[in-house]
N, C-alpha and C. Protein backbone atom coordinates (compact mmCIF):
# COMPACT_ATOMS: atom_id res chain seq x y z
N MET A 1 19.79 17.93 27.70
CA MET A 1 18.32 18.83 27.36
C MET A 1 18.67 19.28 26.12
N SER A 2 17.45 19.32 25.37
CA SER A 2 17.28 19.77 24.03
C SER A 2 17.20 21.12 23.93
N SER A 3 17.84 21.84 22.97
CA SER A 3 17.70 23.37 22.82
C SER A 3 16.98 23.78 21.53
N GLY A 4 16.75 22.83 20.91
CA GLY A 4 16.12 23.15 19.50
C GLY A 4 14.66 23.53 19.44
N LYS A 5 14.07 24.15 18.50
CA LYS A 5 12.85 24.77 18.24
C LYS A 5 11.86 23.68 18.61
N ARG A 6 10.66 24.04 19.05
CA ARG A 6 9.60 23.37 19.44
C ARG A 6 8.50 23.73 18.46
N TYR A 7 7.93 22.56 17.87
CA TYR A 7 6.77 22.70 16.91
C TYR A 7 5.36 22.40 17.59
N THR A 8 4.59 23.19 17.08
CA THR A 8 3.09 22.87 17.32
C THR A 8 2.76 21.55 16.55
N PRO A 9 1.68 20.93 17.01
CA PRO A 9 1.23 19.73 16.10
C PRO A 9 0.78 20.29 14.71
N GLU A 10 0.15 21.34 14.77
CA GLU A 10 -0.23 21.90 13.40
C GLU A 10 0.81 22.16 12.34
N GLU A 11 2.04 22.78 13.10
CA GLU A 11 3.13 22.81 12.34
C GLU A 11 3.91 21.57 11.79
N LYS A 12 3.85 20.70 12.82
CA LYS A 12 4.37 19.43 12.32
C LYS A 12 3.74 18.68 11.32
N GLY A 13 2.39 18.92 11.29
CA GLY A 13 1.31 18.28 10.26
C GLY A 13 1.75 19.07 9.08
N GLU A 14 1.76 20.29 9.02
CA GLU A 14 2.08 21.01 7.75
C GLU A 14 3.54 20.57 7.20
N ILE A 15 4.51 20.49 8.00
CA ILE A 15 5.93 20.03 7.47
C ILE A 15 5.70 18.57 6.96
N MET A 16 5.22 17.65 7.75
CA MET A 16 4.93 16.23 7.45
C MET A 16 3.99 16.14 5.99
N GLN A 17 3.22 16.96 5.91
CA GLN A 17 2.34 16.98 4.63
C GLN A 17 3.33 17.48 3.52
N TYR A 18 4.09 18.36 3.61
CA TYR A 18 5.05 18.91 2.62
C TYR A 18 6.02 17.71 2.39
N ARG A 19 6.55 16.95 3.35
CA ARG A 19 7.47 15.83 3.27
C ARG A 19 6.91 14.68 2.37
N GLN A 20 5.46 14.51 2.26
CA GLN A 20 5.05 13.44 1.56
C GLN A 20 5.35 13.75 0.14
N THR A 21 5.54 15.01 -0.35
CA THR A 21 5.79 15.10 -1.95
C THR A 21 7.17 15.65 -2.04
N HIS A 22 8.02 15.72 -1.08
CA HIS A 22 9.52 16.31 -1.32
C HIS A 22 10.48 15.35 -0.60
N THR A 23 11.60 15.55 -0.81
CA THR A 23 12.72 14.92 -0.21
C THR A 23 12.90 15.45 1.23
N TYR A 24 13.67 14.50 1.89
CA TYR A 24 14.06 15.17 3.18
C TYR A 24 14.80 16.30 3.09
N GLN A 25 15.80 16.41 2.26
CA GLN A 25 16.63 17.57 2.14
C GLN A 25 15.77 18.90 1.66
N GLU A 26 14.79 18.78 0.88
CA GLU A 26 13.96 19.86 0.49
C GLU A 26 13.15 20.33 1.59
N THR A 27 12.55 19.30 2.39
CA THR A 27 11.79 19.71 3.52
C THR A 27 12.67 20.32 4.53
N ALA A 28 13.87 20.02 4.93
CA ALA A 28 14.63 20.44 5.94
C ALA A 28 14.89 21.99 5.36
N ASP A 29 15.41 21.98 4.14
CA ASP A 29 15.60 23.40 3.59
C ASP A 29 14.50 24.34 3.66
N LYS A 30 13.31 23.96 3.43
CA LYS A 30 12.22 24.92 3.55
C LYS A 30 11.79 25.32 5.10
N TYR A 31 11.80 24.41 5.91
CA TYR A 31 11.31 24.53 7.23
C TYR A 31 12.48 24.71 8.28
N GLY A 32 13.77 24.56 7.99
CA GLY A 32 14.67 24.69 8.95
C GLY A 32 14.68 23.49 9.92
N VAL A 33 14.13 22.34 9.61
CA VAL A 33 14.14 21.27 10.58
C VAL A 33 15.16 20.09 10.12
N SER A 34 15.98 19.48 10.99
CA SER A 34 17.16 18.62 10.62
C SER A 34 16.45 17.37 9.90
N GLN A 35 17.05 16.84 9.10
CA GLN A 35 16.67 15.65 8.48
C GLN A 35 16.48 14.39 9.53
N MET A 36 17.19 14.47 10.61
CA MET A 36 17.06 13.40 11.53
C MET A 36 15.59 13.62 12.31
N THR A 37 15.35 14.80 12.52
CA THR A 37 14.11 15.19 13.32
C THR A 37 12.99 14.66 12.15
N LEU A 38 13.11 14.93 10.95
CA LEU A 38 12.01 14.56 10.06
C LEU A 38 12.03 13.16 10.08
N ALA A 39 13.17 12.20 10.02
CA ALA A 39 13.08 10.85 10.10
C ALA A 39 12.27 10.34 11.37
N ARG A 40 12.66 10.81 12.33
CA ARG A 40 12.03 10.59 13.63
C ARG A 40 10.43 10.83 13.64
N TRP A 41 10.14 12.03 13.10
CA TRP A 41 8.55 12.33 12.98
C TRP A 41 7.92 11.23 12.00
N SER A 42 8.69 10.96 10.84
CA SER A 42 8.13 9.89 10.07
C SER A 42 7.99 8.68 10.53
N ARG A 43 8.83 8.26 11.42
CA ARG A 43 8.69 6.92 11.98
C ARG A 43 7.53 6.86 13.06
N LEU A 44 7.56 8.01 13.80
CA LEU A 44 6.38 8.25 14.66
C LEU A 44 4.85 8.22 14.15
N GLN A 45 5.05 8.89 12.96
CA GLN A 45 3.78 9.09 12.10
C GLN A 45 3.20 7.84 11.72
N LYS A 46 4.23 6.96 11.13
CA LYS A 46 3.81 5.52 10.68
C LYS A 46 3.37 4.63 11.72
N ASP A 47 4.06 4.67 12.88
CA ASP A 47 3.52 3.79 14.09
C ASP A 47 2.21 4.07 14.48
N LYS A 48 1.76 5.50 14.44
CA LYS A 48 0.35 5.79 14.72
C LYS A 48 -0.50 5.46 13.68
N VAL A 49 -0.16 5.46 12.46
CA VAL A 49 -1.06 4.99 11.34
C VAL A 49 -1.11 3.46 11.44
N ILE A 50 -0.22 2.83 11.69
CA ILE A 50 -0.36 1.41 11.92
C ILE A 50 -1.29 0.86 12.84
N ILE A 51 -1.38 1.52 14.05
CA ILE A 51 -2.33 1.29 15.09
C ILE A 51 -3.57 1.51 14.77
N THR A 52 -3.90 2.49 13.90
CA THR A 52 -5.48 2.81 13.40
C THR A 52 -5.74 1.89 12.41
N ASN A 53 -5.01 0.95 11.95
CA ASN A 53 -5.45 0.14 10.78
C ASN A 53 -6.36 -0.98 11.22
N ARG A 54 -7.26 -1.33 10.40
CA ARG A 54 -8.27 -2.55 10.73
C ARG A 54 -7.77 -3.62 9.80
N LEU A 55 -7.53 -4.90 10.28
CA LEU A 55 -7.11 -6.00 9.76
C LEU A 55 -8.35 -7.02 9.69
N SER A 56 -8.61 -7.62 8.67
CA SER A 56 -9.65 -8.69 8.67
C SER A 56 -9.36 -9.84 7.79
N GLY A 57 -10.10 -10.88 7.77
CA GLY A 57 -9.86 -12.15 6.95
C GLY A 57 -8.83 -12.93 7.65
N ASP A 58 -8.18 -13.85 7.00
CA ASP A 58 -7.27 -14.98 7.16
C ASP A 58 -6.05 -14.21 7.92
N PRO A 59 -5.86 -14.56 9.25
CA PRO A 59 -4.56 -14.19 9.82
C PRO A 59 -3.42 -14.59 9.50
N ALA A 60 -3.43 -15.69 8.52
CA ALA A 60 -2.24 -16.31 7.98
C ALA A 60 -1.46 -15.26 7.22
N TYR A 61 -2.32 -14.32 6.60
CA TYR A 61 -1.75 -13.30 5.70
C TYR A 61 -1.58 -11.96 6.16
N ALA A 62 -1.85 -11.78 7.54
CA ALA A 62 -1.92 -10.39 8.19
C ALA A 62 -0.58 -9.85 8.12
N GLY A 63 0.53 -10.66 8.31
CA GLY A 63 2.00 -10.23 8.30
C GLY A 63 2.44 -9.55 7.15
N ALA A 64 2.03 -10.32 6.06
CA ALA A 64 2.45 -9.75 4.61
C ALA A 64 1.68 -8.45 4.35
N LEU A 65 0.46 -8.36 4.62
CA LEU A 65 -0.15 -7.01 4.37
C LEU A 65 0.20 -6.05 5.29
N GLN A 66 0.39 -6.27 6.55
CA GLN A 66 0.94 -5.37 7.51
C GLN A 66 2.26 -4.75 7.03
N ALA A 67 3.10 -5.48 6.43
CA ALA A 67 4.41 -4.95 5.83
C ALA A 67 4.17 -4.02 4.80
N LEU A 68 3.22 -4.39 4.01
CA LEU A 68 2.82 -3.40 2.92
C LEU A 68 2.42 -1.95 3.50
N LYS A 69 1.77 -2.02 4.48
CA LYS A 69 1.30 -0.73 4.98
C LYS A 69 2.41 0.30 5.37
N TYR A 70 3.59 -0.20 5.44
CA TYR A 70 4.72 0.68 5.95
C TYR A 70 5.17 1.55 4.68
N LEU A 71 4.79 1.00 3.58
CA LEU A 71 5.08 1.86 2.37
C LEU A 71 4.42 3.09 2.34
N GLU A 72 5.34 4.14 1.96
CA GLU A 72 4.82 5.58 2.01
C GLU A 72 3.60 5.71 1.26
N GLY A 73 2.43 6.37 1.60
CA GLY A 73 1.16 6.38 0.79
C GLY A 73 0.36 5.34 0.82
N MET A 74 0.65 4.21 1.43
CA MET A 74 -0.39 3.00 1.28
C MET A 74 -1.57 3.32 2.17
N LYS A 75 -2.73 3.25 1.53
CA LYS A 75 -3.87 3.36 2.50
C LYS A 75 -4.53 1.96 2.78
N ALA A 76 -4.38 0.98 1.80
CA ALA A 76 -5.02 -0.27 2.10
C ALA A 76 -4.44 -1.31 1.18
N ALA A 77 -4.42 -2.66 1.63
CA ALA A 77 -4.12 -3.79 0.92
C ALA A 77 -5.10 -5.01 1.09
N ALA A 78 -5.33 -5.64 -0.04
CA ALA A 78 -6.15 -6.88 0.22
C ALA A 78 -5.66 -7.82 -0.78
N LEU A 79 -6.07 -8.93 -0.32
CA LEU A 79 -5.78 -10.29 -0.93
C LEU A 79 -6.99 -10.96 -1.21
N TYR A 80 -7.13 -11.32 -2.61
CA TYR A 80 -8.44 -11.83 -3.07
C TYR A 80 -8.18 -13.28 -3.62
N SER A 81 -9.17 -14.25 -3.55
CA SER A 81 -9.03 -15.36 -4.18
C SER A 81 -9.32 -15.30 -5.66
N ASP A 82 -9.08 -16.27 -6.47
CA ASP A 82 -9.39 -15.97 -7.94
C ASP A 82 -10.76 -16.05 -8.31
N ALA A 83 -11.57 -16.60 -7.06
CA ALA A 83 -12.98 -16.46 -7.25
C ALA A 83 -13.51 -15.18 -6.90
N GLY A 84 -12.81 -14.19 -6.59
CA GLY A 84 -13.14 -12.87 -6.15
C GLY A 84 -13.55 -12.52 -4.51
N GLU A 85 -13.21 -13.58 -3.79
CA GLU A 85 -13.48 -13.64 -2.43
C GLU A 85 -12.38 -12.91 -1.66
N VAL A 86 -12.75 -11.98 -0.69
CA VAL A 86 -11.81 -11.44 0.20
C VAL A 86 -10.98 -12.64 1.07
N VAL A 87 -9.75 -12.59 0.87
CA VAL A 87 -8.89 -13.60 1.93
C VAL A 87 -8.50 -12.73 2.98
N SER A 88 -8.12 -11.53 2.79
CA SER A 88 -7.70 -10.82 4.08
C SER A 88 -7.19 -9.41 3.47
N THR A 89 -7.63 -8.46 4.42
CA THR A 89 -7.41 -6.93 4.19
C THR A 89 -6.76 -6.33 5.37
N ILE A 90 -6.07 -5.32 4.94
CA ILE A 90 -5.69 -4.21 5.96
C ILE A 90 -6.03 -2.98 5.38
N SER A 91 -6.65 -2.09 6.08
CA SER A 91 -6.84 -0.65 5.71
C SER A 91 -6.95 0.29 6.80
N ASP A 92 -6.63 1.50 6.51
CA ASP A 92 -6.80 2.48 7.54
C ASP A 92 -8.46 2.58 8.09
N SER A 93 -8.50 3.06 9.14
CA SER A 93 -9.95 3.19 9.73
C SER A 93 -11.03 3.89 9.05
N THR A 94 -10.63 4.62 8.00
CA THR A 94 -11.56 5.26 7.15
C THR A 94 -12.15 4.66 6.03
N LEU A 95 -11.46 3.46 5.63
CA LEU A 95 -11.91 2.71 4.50
C LEU A 95 -12.89 1.62 4.87
N TYR A 96 -13.79 1.26 3.96
CA TYR A 96 -14.36 0.03 4.30
C TYR A 96 -14.29 -1.06 3.07
N GLU A 97 -13.99 -2.19 3.49
CA GLU A 97 -13.47 -3.07 2.52
C GLU A 97 -14.39 -3.25 1.22
N ASP A 98 -15.85 -3.58 1.67
CA ASP A 98 -16.84 -3.83 0.51
C ASP A 98 -16.82 -2.65 -0.47
N ALA A 99 -17.11 -1.60 0.08
CA ALA A 99 -17.09 -0.17 -0.72
C ALA A 99 -15.82 0.02 -1.67
N LEU A 100 -14.68 -0.32 -1.07
CA LEU A 100 -13.48 -0.13 -1.72
C LEU A 100 -13.17 -1.40 -2.63
N PHE A 101 -13.15 -2.41 -2.30
CA PHE A 101 -12.43 -3.57 -3.01
C PHE A 101 -13.41 -4.19 -3.89
N THR A 102 -14.74 -4.35 -3.78
CA THR A 102 -15.71 -4.96 -4.70
C THR A 102 -15.54 -4.39 -6.10
N PRO A 103 -15.56 -2.97 -6.19
CA PRO A 103 -15.55 -2.52 -7.61
C PRO A 103 -14.18 -2.72 -8.20
N THR A 104 -13.16 -2.91 -7.45
CA THR A 104 -11.80 -3.20 -7.89
C THR A 104 -11.91 -4.63 -8.68
N VAL A 105 -12.75 -5.69 -7.97
CA VAL A 105 -12.62 -6.93 -8.80
C VAL A 105 -13.33 -6.82 -10.01
N ALA A 106 -14.32 -6.09 -9.90
CA ALA A 106 -15.09 -5.90 -11.29
C ALA A 106 -14.12 -5.12 -12.28
N LEU A 107 -13.40 -4.27 -11.92
CA LEU A 107 -12.44 -3.60 -12.79
C LEU A 107 -11.47 -4.50 -13.35
N LEU A 108 -11.00 -5.38 -12.53
CA LEU A 108 -10.08 -6.16 -12.94
C LEU A 108 -10.47 -7.35 -13.77
N ALA A 109 -11.77 -7.69 -13.59
CA ALA A 109 -12.40 -8.78 -14.35
C ALA A 109 -12.68 -8.21 -15.86
N ALA A 110 -12.99 -6.90 -15.87
CA ALA A 110 -13.03 -6.30 -17.09
C ALA A 110 -11.80 -6.17 -18.10
N ALA A 111 -10.64 -5.71 -17.20
CA ALA A 111 -9.42 -5.58 -17.79
C ALA A 111 -8.66 -6.91 -18.26
N ASP A 112 -8.97 -8.23 -17.48
CA ASP A 112 -8.47 -9.37 -17.85
C ASP A 112 -9.43 -9.82 -19.27
N ARG A 113 -10.73 -9.71 -19.43
CA ARG A 113 -11.45 -9.94 -20.44
C ARG A 113 -10.77 -9.32 -21.61
N PHE A 114 -10.60 -7.83 -21.30
CA PHE A 114 -10.00 -6.96 -22.41
C PHE A 114 -8.57 -7.76 -23.05
N ALA A 115 -7.70 -8.22 -22.05
CA ALA A 115 -6.47 -8.62 -22.49
C ALA A 115 -6.52 -9.97 -23.20
N GLN A 116 -7.39 -10.62 -22.94
CA GLN A 116 -7.74 -12.00 -23.58
C GLN A 116 -8.36 -11.60 -24.80
N GLU A 117 -9.31 -10.64 -24.97
CA GLU A 117 -10.03 -10.34 -26.36
C GLU A 117 -8.98 -9.88 -27.12
N VAL A 118 -7.81 -9.29 -26.91
CA VAL A 118 -7.04 -8.49 -27.89
C VAL A 118 -5.71 -9.49 -27.82
N ASP A 119 -5.84 -10.58 -27.22
CA ASP A 119 -4.84 -11.70 -27.27
C ASP A 119 -3.51 -11.10 -26.96
N ILE A 120 -3.38 -10.55 -25.72
CA ILE A 120 -2.02 -10.30 -25.30
C ILE A 120 -1.77 -11.03 -23.96
N GLY A 121 -2.51 -12.03 -23.62
CA GLY A 121 -2.25 -12.98 -22.69
C GLY A 121 -2.99 -12.75 -21.37
N ARG A 122 -2.48 -13.42 -20.37
CA ARG A 122 -3.25 -13.38 -19.16
C ARG A 122 -2.62 -11.98 -18.43
N LEU A 123 -3.58 -11.55 -17.64
CA LEU A 123 -3.40 -10.12 -16.95
C LEU A 123 -2.68 -10.47 -15.78
N GLU A 124 -1.27 -9.79 -15.66
CA GLU A 124 -0.40 -9.87 -14.46
C GLU A 124 -0.40 -8.84 -13.60
N MET A 125 -0.79 -7.51 -13.96
CA MET A 125 -0.72 -6.32 -13.10
C MET A 125 -1.43 -5.23 -14.06
N VAL A 126 -2.25 -4.47 -13.02
CA VAL A 126 -2.87 -3.27 -13.69
C VAL A 126 -2.68 -2.26 -12.57
N LEU A 127 -2.36 -1.01 -13.14
CA LEU A 127 -1.96 0.12 -12.43
C LEU A 127 -2.82 1.22 -12.90
N THR A 128 -3.63 1.69 -12.08
CA THR A 128 -4.61 2.82 -12.54
C THR A 128 -4.30 4.03 -11.62
N LYS A 129 -3.99 5.19 -12.23
CA LYS A 129 -3.64 6.44 -11.53
C LYS A 129 -5.01 7.37 -11.48
N CYS A 130 -5.52 7.73 -10.37
CA CYS A 130 -6.52 8.64 -10.16
C CYS A 130 -6.12 9.98 -9.75
N ALA A 131 -7.05 11.04 -9.66
CA ALA A 131 -6.60 12.32 -9.16
C ALA A 131 -6.30 12.22 -7.62
N GLY A 132 -6.80 11.31 -6.69
CA GLY A 132 -6.53 11.32 -5.39
C GLY A 132 -5.83 10.04 -4.87
N GLY A 133 -5.08 9.47 -6.00
CA GLY A 133 -4.31 8.26 -5.39
C GLY A 133 -3.96 7.39 -6.65
N LEU A 134 -3.85 6.10 -6.21
CA LEU A 134 -3.44 5.12 -7.29
C LEU A 134 -4.03 3.67 -6.87
N LEU A 135 -4.37 3.06 -7.80
CA LEU A 135 -4.87 1.59 -7.49
C LEU A 135 -3.84 0.68 -8.24
N PHE A 136 -3.26 -0.37 -7.55
CA PHE A 136 -2.24 -1.19 -8.08
C PHE A 136 -2.77 -2.75 -7.87
N MET A 137 -2.92 -3.46 -8.86
CA MET A 137 -3.43 -4.96 -8.82
C MET A 137 -2.33 -5.68 -9.50
N LEU A 138 -1.99 -6.79 -8.65
CA LEU A 138 -0.94 -7.66 -9.13
C LEU A 138 -1.51 -9.16 -8.81
N GLU A 139 -1.08 -9.93 -9.75
CA GLU A 139 -1.20 -11.41 -9.47
C GLU A 139 -0.25 -11.80 -8.23
N ALA A 140 -0.86 -12.49 -7.07
CA ALA A 140 0.04 -12.71 -5.76
C ALA A 140 0.31 -14.23 -5.90
N GLY A 141 -0.17 -14.96 -6.75
CA GLY A 141 0.17 -16.39 -6.84
C GLY A 141 -0.78 -16.96 -7.82
N PRO A 142 -0.73 -18.29 -7.96
CA PRO A 142 -1.54 -18.90 -9.03
C PRO A 142 -2.99 -18.66 -8.89
N ARG A 143 -3.51 -18.53 -7.75
CA ARG A 143 -4.91 -18.44 -7.64
C ARG A 143 -5.40 -17.14 -6.63
N SER A 144 -4.62 -16.16 -6.66
CA SER A 144 -4.90 -14.98 -5.78
C SER A 144 -4.30 -13.70 -6.41
N LEU A 145 -5.04 -12.64 -5.88
CA LEU A 145 -4.61 -11.26 -6.47
C LEU A 145 -4.44 -10.32 -5.21
N LEU A 146 -3.33 -9.56 -5.42
CA LEU A 146 -2.93 -8.44 -4.34
C LEU A 146 -3.59 -6.98 -4.96
N VAL A 147 -4.35 -6.44 -4.11
CA VAL A 147 -4.90 -5.08 -4.58
C VAL A 147 -4.34 -4.10 -3.50
N LEU A 148 -3.61 -2.97 -4.13
CA LEU A 148 -3.29 -2.03 -3.27
C LEU A 148 -3.63 -0.81 -3.61
N LEU A 149 -3.91 0.19 -2.52
CA LEU A 149 -4.57 1.36 -2.73
C LEU A 149 -3.48 2.55 -2.07
N TYR A 150 -2.94 3.32 -2.95
CA TYR A 150 -2.07 4.23 -2.54
C TYR A 150 -3.08 5.68 -2.45
N GLY A 151 -2.96 6.65 -1.45
CA GLY A 151 -3.64 7.76 -1.38
C GLY A 151 -2.81 8.91 -1.75
N GLY A 152 -3.40 9.99 -1.92
CA GLY A 152 -2.66 11.27 -2.13
C GLY A 152 -1.94 11.48 -3.41
N SER A 153 -0.96 12.17 -3.42
CA SER A 153 -0.08 12.46 -4.75
C SER A 153 0.99 11.52 -4.84
N VAL A 154 0.88 10.52 -5.41
CA VAL A 154 1.73 9.21 -5.52
C VAL A 154 2.56 9.45 -6.69
N ASP A 155 3.92 9.37 -6.59
CA ASP A 155 4.87 9.17 -7.66
C ASP A 155 4.90 7.69 -8.11
N VAL A 156 4.40 7.59 -9.54
CA VAL A 156 4.39 6.31 -10.15
C VAL A 156 5.87 5.69 -10.16
N ARG A 157 6.76 6.53 -10.58
CA ARG A 157 8.19 6.18 -10.45
C ARG A 157 8.76 5.39 -9.23
N LYS A 158 8.34 6.21 -8.29
CA LYS A 158 8.77 5.54 -6.93
C LYS A 158 8.14 4.38 -6.67
N ILE A 159 6.97 4.19 -6.88
CA ILE A 159 6.32 2.88 -6.68
C ILE A 159 7.05 1.94 -7.67
N VAL A 160 7.22 2.09 -8.68
CA VAL A 160 7.93 0.89 -9.74
C VAL A 160 9.49 0.66 -9.26
N VAL A 161 10.05 1.78 -9.08
CA VAL A 161 11.69 1.82 -8.53
C VAL A 161 11.81 1.14 -7.18
N GLN A 162 11.02 1.91 -6.24
CA GLN A 162 11.30 1.48 -4.87
C GLN A 162 10.40 0.59 -4.25
N ASP A 163 9.36 0.48 -4.43
CA ASP A 163 8.18 -0.21 -3.96
C ASP A 163 8.00 -1.56 -4.46
N LEU A 164 8.07 -1.69 -5.70
CA LEU A 164 7.75 -2.83 -6.36
C LEU A 164 8.70 -4.14 -5.97
N PRO A 165 10.12 -3.93 -5.72
CA PRO A 165 10.87 -4.98 -5.46
C PRO A 165 10.34 -5.45 -3.94
N PHE A 166 10.17 -4.52 -3.12
CA PHE A 166 9.48 -5.10 -1.70
C PHE A 166 8.28 -5.82 -1.93
N ILE A 167 7.38 -5.05 -2.78
CA ILE A 167 6.09 -5.89 -3.05
C ILE A 167 6.20 -7.30 -3.62
N ASP A 168 7.23 -7.32 -4.40
CA ASP A 168 7.59 -8.79 -4.86
C ASP A 168 8.05 -9.64 -3.85
N ARG A 169 8.56 -9.15 -3.02
CA ARG A 169 9.02 -9.98 -1.90
C ARG A 169 7.86 -10.62 -0.95
N VAL A 170 7.01 -9.49 -0.78
CA VAL A 170 5.73 -9.93 -0.13
C VAL A 170 4.67 -10.93 -0.86
N ARG A 171 4.67 -10.80 -2.28
CA ARG A 171 4.10 -11.74 -3.00
C ARG A 171 4.67 -13.03 -3.05
N GLN A 172 5.99 -13.13 -2.91
CA GLN A 172 6.69 -14.56 -2.58
C GLN A 172 6.10 -15.04 -1.39
N ASP A 173 6.10 -14.37 -0.28
CA ASP A 173 5.70 -14.83 1.08
C ASP A 173 4.10 -15.22 0.99
N ILE A 174 3.33 -14.47 0.19
CA ILE A 174 2.06 -14.95 0.04
C ILE A 174 1.92 -16.33 -0.80
N ARG A 175 2.79 -16.34 -1.83
CA ARG A 175 2.72 -17.59 -2.49
C ARG A 175 3.09 -18.68 -1.63
N SER A 176 4.22 -18.67 -0.82
CA SER A 176 4.71 -19.60 -0.06
C SER A 176 3.55 -20.16 0.85
N GLN A 177 2.98 -19.00 1.45
CA GLN A 177 1.85 -19.43 2.60
C GLN A 177 0.67 -20.20 1.83
N SER A 178 0.37 -19.81 0.54
CA SER A 178 -0.79 -20.28 0.01
C SER A 178 -0.29 -21.82 -0.44
N GLU A 179 0.82 -22.04 -0.95
CA GLU A 179 1.30 -23.29 -1.31
C GLU A 179 1.28 -24.13 0.01
N LYS A 180 1.62 -23.65 1.09
CA LYS A 180 1.81 -24.41 2.42
C LYS A 180 0.27 -24.83 2.73
N GLU A 181 -0.71 -24.04 2.53
CA GLU A 181 -2.06 -24.22 2.83
C GLU A 181 -2.62 -25.32 1.96
N THR A 182 -2.34 -25.37 0.47
CA THR A 182 -2.62 -26.31 -0.39
C THR A 182 -1.86 -27.63 -0.13
N ASN A 183 -0.74 -27.73 0.43
CA ASN A 183 -0.13 -28.95 0.77
C ASN A 183 -0.74 -29.72 1.93
N GLN A 184 -1.34 -28.91 2.78
CA GLN A 184 -1.76 -29.37 4.12
C GLN A 184 -3.33 -29.91 3.92
N ARG A 185 -3.71 -29.46 2.81
CA ARG A 185 -5.20 -30.08 2.33
C ARG A 185 -5.25 -31.43 1.92
């Protein structure tokens, strides 16, 4: 039988909101909650978020995109063909793919034209920081683009140091799946 303090849903929400921008240790020190409890709450919170996600498009890429949704702060991920068509998306239920990703493709096309005009080569990655989040676009294969939307206060260093190696593994899976489809045709 547990003898620890009980927290209301509002208190848990406040603590987990603080945790998004602070370490486990800082959060534990401020609120008097053990790091193990914080980890358990984080896991439960992520499980609830995944359930409310909307998945659309080619199911062959669903696993790769779902893996990306476990990254802290990730609100949506989409895979586009080089023709600008949506291949597959996953987003939380508050986002609508057309409203979110169509402008992204236009932004990428403009950035790619700029890169070519100033003769710095083909565009491989674009990272755009906004007040309410971050937009990250990367080449996912010879003919596809991966678009990631992070919400909230995102630490760019964390994305580059911690998330990018994982994102690269997912990009490899996407490339493999794409090559498999090409060979079957």
